[in-house]
Amino acid sequence: MAKPNYQFEKRQKDLAKKKKQEEKRLRKLEKSTVAVEGAPDQVPPPALAADKDGI
């Protein structure tokens, strides 16, 4: 019977983990980019606008 190759299994698990993290990072980046692009269309509430003006 052949011996299990634990190094190969660990490497495959690490690669899968890194791939998942990269996909998650890209989703977050895409989500934040969409939020930033949509922000100029939004008008801040009057209370926040007044605080910025110092009134």
C-alpha atoms as a PDB file:
ATOM      1  CA  MET A   1       0.000   0.000   0.000  1.00  0.00           C
ATOM      2  CA  ALA A   2       1.296   3.468  -0.911  1.00  0.00           C
ATOM      3  CA  LYS A   3       2.035   6.010   1.782  1.00  0.00           C
ATOM      4  CA  PRO A   4      -0.153   9.127   1.876  1.00  0.00           C
ATOM      5  CA  ASN A   5       1.543  12.244   0.562  1.00  0.00           C
ATOM      6  CA  TYR A   6       0.730  14.730   3.315  1.00  0.00           C
ATOM      7  CA  GLN A   7       2.794  17.505   1.762  1.00  0.00           C
ATOM      8  CA  PHE A   8       0.730  17.356  -1.426  1.00  0.00           C
ATOM      9  CA  GLU A   9      -2.528  17.450   0.551  1.00  0.00           C
ATOM     10  CA  LYS A  10      -1.312  20.403   2.620  1.00  0.00           C
ATOM     11  CA  ARG A  11      -0.202  22.256  -0.503  1.00  0.00           C
ATOM     12  CA  GLN A  12      -3.587  21.702  -2.170  1.00  0.00           C
ATOM     13  CA  LYS A  13      -5.401  22.900   0.958  1.00  0.00           C
ATOM     14  CA  ASP A  14      -3.189  26.013   1.143  1.00  0.00           C
ATOM     15  CA  LEU A  15      -3.779  26.802  -2.541  1.00  0.00           C
ATOM     16  CA  ALA A  16      -7.537  26.463  -2.094  1.00  0.00           C
ATOM     17  CA  LYS A  17      -7.421  28.714   0.969  1.00  0.00           C
ATOM     18  CA  LYS A  18      -5.410  31.393  -0.865  1.00  0.00           C
ATOM     19  CA  LYS A  19      -7.761  31.238  -3.846  1.00  0.00           C
ATOM     20  CA  LYS A  20     -10.779  31.691  -1.578  1.00  0.00           C
ATOM     21  CA  GLN A  21      -9.139  34.638   0.207  1.00  0.00           C
ATOM     22  CA  GLU A  22      -8.278  36.277  -3.123  1.00  0.00           C
ATOM     23  CA  GLU A  23     -11.864  35.881  -4.360  1.00  0.00           C
ATOM     24  CA  LYS A  24     -13.143  37.386  -1.116  1.00  0.00           C
ATOM     25  CA  ARG A  25     -10.699  40.298  -1.437  1.00  0.00           C
ATOM     26  CA  LEU A  26     -11.850  40.946  -5.008  1.00  0.00           C
ATOM     27  CA  ARG A  27     -15.524  40.855  -3.951  1.00  0.00           C
ATOM     28  CA  LYS A  28     -14.841  43.384  -1.201  1.00  0.00           C
ATOM     29  CA  LEU A  29     -12.887  45.583  -3.612  1.00  0.00           C
ATOM     30  CA  GLU A  30     -15.697  45.423  -6.167  1.00  0.00           C
ATOM     31  CA  LYS A  31     -18.289  46.158  -3.490  1.00  0.00           C
ATOM     32  CA  SER A  32     -16.371  49.211  -2.235  1.00  0.00           C
ATOM     33  CA  THR A  33     -15.819  50.457  -5.797  1.00  0.00           C
ATOM     34  CA  VAL A  34     -19.545  50.281  -6.520  1.00  0.00           C
ATOM     35  CA  ALA A  35     -20.287  52.099  -3.247  1.00  0.00           C
ATOM     36  CA  VAL A  36     -17.812  54.880  -4.066  1.00  0.00           C
ATOM     37  CA  GLU A  37     -19.195  55.299  -7.582  1.00  0.00           C
ATOM     38  CA  GLY A  38     -22.736  55.544  -6.221  1.00  0.00           C
ATOM     39  CA  ALA A  39     -21.806  58.032  -3.483  1.00  0.00           C
ATOM     40  CA  PRO A  40     -21.731  61.246  -5.607  1.00  0.00           C
ATOM     41  CA  ASP A  41     -25.360  60.689  -6.616  1.00  0.00           C
ATOM     42  CA  GLN A  42     -26.458  60.579  -2.999  1.00  0.00           C
ATOM     43  CA  VAL A  43     -27.220  63.774  -1.105  1.00  0.00           C
ATOM     44  CA  PRO A  44     -26.187  63.865   2.563  1.00  0.00           C
ATOM     45  CA  PRO A  45     -28.950  64.380   5.127  1.00  0.00           C
ATOM     46  CA  PRO A  46     -29.509  68.036   6.128  1.00  0.00           C
ATOM     47  CA  ALA A  47     -28.206  67.441   9.673  1.00  0.00           C
ATOM     48  CA  LEU A  48     -24.845  66.245   8.372  1.00  0.00           C
ATOM     49  CA  ALA A  49     -24.628  69.079   5.858  1.00  0.00           C
ATOM     50  CA  ALA A  50     -25.210  71.657   8.607  1.00  0.00           C
ATOM     51  CA  ASP A  51     -22.472  70.128  10.795  1.00  0.00           C
ATOM     52  CA  LYS A  52     -19.957  70.380   7.977  1.00  0.00           C
ATOM     53  CA  ASP A  53     -20.737  74.047   7.420  1.00  0.00           C
ATOM     54  CA  GLY A  54     -20.198  74.840  11.082  1.00  0.00           C
ATOM     55  CA  ILE A  55     -23.668  76.249  11.555  1.00  0.00           C
END
